[in-house]
N, C-alpha and C. Protein backbone atom coordinates (compact mmCIF):
# COMPACT_ATOMS: atom_id res chain seq x y z
N UNK A 1 -2.73 -10.86 3.19
CA UNK A 1 -2.50 -9.46 4.26
C UNK A 1 -3.46 -8.84 3.96
N UNK A 2 -3.86 -8.19 5.44
CA UNK A 2 -5.16 -7.37 5.43
C UNK A 2 -4.88 -5.92 5.00
N UNK A 3 -5.53 -5.10 5.05
CA UNK A 3 -5.53 -4.13 4.50
C UNK A 3 -4.92 -3.17 5.47
N UNK A 4 -4.19 -1.76 4.86
CA UNK A 4 -2.93 -1.06 5.52
C UNK A 4 -3.42 0.25 5.43
N UNK A 5 -4.84 0.56 5.76
CA UNK A 5 -5.16 1.71 5.27
C UNK A 5 -4.99 2.74 6.29
N UNK A 6 -4.34 2.38 7.41
CA UNK A 6 -3.81 3.46 8.08
C UNK A 6 -1.90 3.84 8.17
N UNK A 7 -1.33 3.10 7.64
CA UNK A 7 -0.18 3.27 7.39
C UNK A 7 -0.13 3.95 6.26
N UNK A 8 0.64 5.48 5.77
CA UNK A 8 1.09 6.51 4.91
C UNK A 8 2.23 6.43 4.99
N UNK A 9 2.84 7.02 3.63
CA UNK A 9 4.05 7.36 3.25
C UNK A 9 3.84 8.90 2.31
N UNK A 10 4.45 9.87 2.92
CA UNK A 10 4.15 10.95 1.98
C UNK A 10 5.79 11.63 2.50
N UNK A 11 6.34 12.40 1.36
CA UNK A 11 7.77 12.41 1.43
C UNK A 11 7.97 13.77 2.13
N UNK A 12 6.67 14.15 2.51
CA UNK A 12 6.79 15.55 3.30
C UNK A 12 6.91 15.72 5.26
N UNK A 13 6.11 14.10 5.24
CA UNK A 13 6.15 14.00 6.62
C UNK A 13 7.15 12.81 6.70
N UNK A 14 8.09 13.02 7.85
CA UNK A 14 9.18 12.44 8.17
C UNK A 14 10.15 11.78 7.04
N UNK A 15 10.43 12.59 6.63
CA UNK A 15 10.98 12.33 5.25
C UNK A 15 10.71 10.84 4.61
N UNK A 16 9.21 10.42 4.27
CA UNK A 16 8.71 9.58 3.56
C UNK A 16 8.68 8.22 4.00
N UNK A 17 8.95 8.28 5.54
CA UNK A 17 9.36 6.88 6.42
C UNK A 17 7.52 6.70 6.46
N UNK A 18 7.14 5.10 6.49
CA UNK A 18 5.74 4.90 6.69
C UNK A 18 5.29 5.31 7.98
N UNK A 19 4.27 6.13 8.07
CA UNK A 19 4.00 6.29 9.57
C UNK A 19 2.63 6.06 9.56
N UNK A 20 1.98 6.57 10.68
CA UNK A 20 0.44 6.29 11.10
C UNK A 20 -0.58 7.46 10.94
N UNK A 21 -1.46 7.17 10.06
CA UNK A 21 -2.35 7.86 9.57
C UNK A 21 -1.68 9.32 9.51
N UNK A 22 -0.72 9.56 8.58
CA UNK A 22 -0.25 10.79 8.22
C UNK A 22 0.14 11.65 9.46
N UNK A 23 0.59 11.25 10.68
CA UNK A 23 1.03 11.99 11.58
C UNK A 23 2.66 11.63 11.81
N UNK A 24 2.94 12.35 12.92
CA UNK A 24 4.26 12.22 12.44
C UNK A 24 5.12 11.01 13.39
N UNK A 25 4.35 10.05 13.57
CA UNK A 25 4.54 8.97 14.51
C UNK A 25 5.00 7.49 13.65
N UNK A 26 6.31 7.13 13.38
CA UNK A 26 6.50 6.25 12.32
C UNK A 26 6.37 4.77 12.78
N UNK A 27 5.96 3.82 11.71
CA UNK A 27 5.90 2.56 12.33
C UNK A 27 6.93 2.12 12.57
N UNK A 28 8.48 2.54 12.64
CA UNK A 28 9.44 2.01 13.23
C UNK A 28 9.42 2.37 14.84
N UNK A 29 8.84 3.44 15.06
CA UNK A 29 8.88 4.24 16.31
C UNK A 29 7.57 3.01 17.19
N UNK A 30 6.43 2.78 16.75
CA UNK A 30 5.60 1.81 17.32
C UNK A 30 6.28 0.37 17.50
N UNK A 31 6.74 0.14 16.34
CA UNK A 31 7.52 -1.23 16.33
C UNK A 31 8.41 -1.44 17.30
N UNK A 32 9.61 -0.42 17.51
CA UNK A 32 10.85 -0.30 18.30
C UNK A 32 10.31 -0.46 20.12
N UNK A 33 8.84 0.36 20.27
CA UNK A 33 8.37 0.38 21.58
C UNK A 33 7.75 -1.10 21.84
N UNK A 34 7.32 -1.71 20.95
CA UNK A 34 6.67 -3.15 21.62
C UNK A 34 8.14 -3.85 21.41
N UNK A 35 9.35 -3.76 20.76
CA UNK A 35 10.47 -4.75 20.89
C UNK A 35 10.67 -4.58 22.15
N UNK A 36 11.01 -3.18 22.28
CA UNK A 36 11.68 -2.75 23.89
C UNK A 36 10.79 -3.35 24.94
N UNK A 37 9.53 -4.03 24.77
CA UNK A 37 8.93 -4.92 25.98
C UNK A 37 7.84 -4.11 26.24
N UNK A 38 7.40 -2.86 25.84
CA UNK A 38 6.41 -2.17 26.02
C UNK A 38 5.04 -3.02 25.70
N UNK A 39 3.90 -2.76 26.11
CA UNK A 39 2.79 -3.33 25.85
C UNK A 39 2.21 -2.57 25.00
N UNK A 40 1.19 -3.16 24.29
CA UNK A 40 0.24 -2.40 23.44
C UNK A 40 -0.53 -1.02 24.54
N UNK A 41 -0.72 -1.55 25.44
CA UNK A 41 -1.73 -0.39 26.19
C UNK A 41 -0.82 0.45 26.77
N UNK A 42 0.52 0.05 26.90
CA UNK A 42 1.58 1.17 27.32
C UNK A 42 1.41 2.05 26.07
N UNK A 43 2.21 1.85 25.19
CA UNK A 43 1.98 2.74 23.87
C UNK A 43 0.86 3.45 23.69
N UNK A 44 -0.54 2.72 23.91
CA UNK A 44 -1.34 3.80 23.68
C UNK A 44 -1.66 4.68 24.99
N UNK A 45 -1.14 4.53 26.08
CA UNK A 45 -1.35 5.60 26.94
C UNK A 45 -0.16 6.31 26.75
N UNK A 46 1.09 5.76 26.22
CA UNK A 46 2.33 7.07 25.90
C UNK A 46 1.44 7.61 24.42
N UNK A 47 1.00 7.35 23.96
CA UNK A 47 0.36 8.15 22.87
C UNK A 47 -0.91 8.24 22.95
N UNK A 48 -1.77 8.68 23.31
CA UNK A 48 -3.09 8.61 23.31
C UNK A 48 -4.04 9.07 22.32
N UNK A 49 -3.62 9.78 21.22
CA UNK A 49 -3.78 9.92 19.78
C UNK A 49 -3.61 8.72 18.89
N UNK A 50 -3.02 7.88 19.24
CA UNK A 50 -2.91 6.52 18.95
C UNK A 50 -4.12 5.57 19.60
N UNK A 51 -4.62 4.72 18.23
CA UNK A 51 -5.88 3.52 18.45
C UNK A 51 -5.36 2.18 18.48
N UNK A 52 -5.85 1.37 18.85
CA UNK A 52 -5.19 -0.19 19.24
C UNK A 52 -5.18 -0.30 17.85
N UNK A 53 -5.83 -0.44 16.40
CA UNK A 53 -5.79 -0.85 15.25
C UNK A 53 -4.18 -0.32 14.68
N UNK A 54 -4.20 0.86 15.07
CA UNK A 54 -2.77 1.79 14.46
C UNK A 54 -1.52 0.68 14.94
N UNK A 55 -1.40 0.37 16.00
CA UNK A 55 -0.74 -0.72 16.39
C UNK A 55 -0.57 -1.95 15.95
N UNK A 56 -1.61 -2.26 15.51
CA UNK A 56 -1.77 -3.76 15.00
C UNK A 56 -1.27 -3.79 13.30
N UNK A 57 -1.79 -2.52 12.86
CA UNK A 57 -1.55 -2.22 11.47
C UNK A 57 0.21 -2.05 11.11
N UNK A 58 0.63 -1.46 12.33
CA UNK A 58 1.96 -1.02 12.09
C UNK A 58 2.92 -2.41 12.25
N UNK A 59 2.29 -3.36 13.24
CA UNK A 59 3.10 -4.61 13.37
C UNK A 59 2.80 -5.51 11.92
N UNK A 60 1.61 -5.55 11.66
CA UNK A 60 1.45 -6.17 9.99
C UNK A 60 2.47 -5.88 9.04
N UNK A 61 2.29 -4.35 9.09
CA UNK A 61 3.09 -4.00 7.65
C UNK A 61 4.82 -4.10 8.20
N UNK A 62 5.40 -4.41 9.17
CA UNK A 62 6.51 -4.24 9.60
C UNK A 62 6.58 -5.97 9.41
N UNK A 63 6.21 -6.89 9.75
CA UNK A 63 6.07 -8.39 9.50
C UNK A 63 6.36 -8.41 7.83
N UNK A 64 5.44 -7.76 7.07
CA UNK A 64 5.28 -7.93 5.72
C UNK A 64 6.47 -7.31 5.20
N UNK A 65 7.18 -6.38 5.69
CA UNK A 65 8.00 -5.54 5.07
C UNK A 65 9.37 -6.36 5.27
N UNK A 66 9.56 -7.62 6.65
CA UNK A 66 10.57 -8.16 7.01
C UNK A 66 10.50 -9.51 6.07
N UNK A 67 9.10 -9.74 5.30
CA UNK A 67 9.35 -10.75 4.53
C UNK A 67 9.84 -10.69 2.78
N UNK A 68 10.08 -9.61 3.05
CA UNK A 68 10.46 -9.12 1.38
C UNK A 68 11.68 -9.66 1.14
N UNK A 69 12.07 -9.81 0.05
CA UNK A 69 13.78 -10.41 -0.35
C UNK A 69 14.13 -9.48 -1.43
N UNK A 70 15.07 -9.32 -1.49
CA UNK A 70 16.32 -8.55 -2.15
C UNK A 70 16.77 -9.77 -3.24
N UNK A 71 16.61 -9.28 -4.35
CA UNK A 71 17.45 -10.04 -5.21
C UNK A 71 18.72 -9.21 -5.73
N UNK A 72 19.57 -10.12 -6.04
CA UNK A 72 20.73 -9.31 -6.65
C UNK A 72 20.79 -9.42 -8.16
N UNK A 73 20.74 -8.26 -8.95
CA UNK A 73 20.86 -8.43 -10.26
C UNK A 73 22.09 -8.48 -10.72
N UNK A 74 22.07 -8.96 -12.07
CA UNK A 74 23.82 -9.21 -12.67
C UNK A 74 24.28 -7.69 -13.47
N UNK A 75 25.37 -7.11 -12.95
CA UNK A 75 26.00 -5.74 -13.48
C UNK A 75 26.22 -6.07 -14.96
N UNK A 76 25.46 -5.71 -15.42
CA UNK A 76 25.25 -4.98 -16.99
C UNK A 76 27.04 -4.86 -17.72
């Protein structure tokens, strides 16, 4: 997986959700906009402080998280 140097998580920013470059813009919000049918260019117009690479890394991060698996542990 490529480097995700634009995705940050800080407890004091948006409750620790994955954000773009420490801003109050979550990965979920960006991915939700794309999922709702907005183009990358539309998202960039709506959020002029974002850059194309921010959106691409948000999508890569979401894809990586979607591939994670939970393993059920035996109860002791």
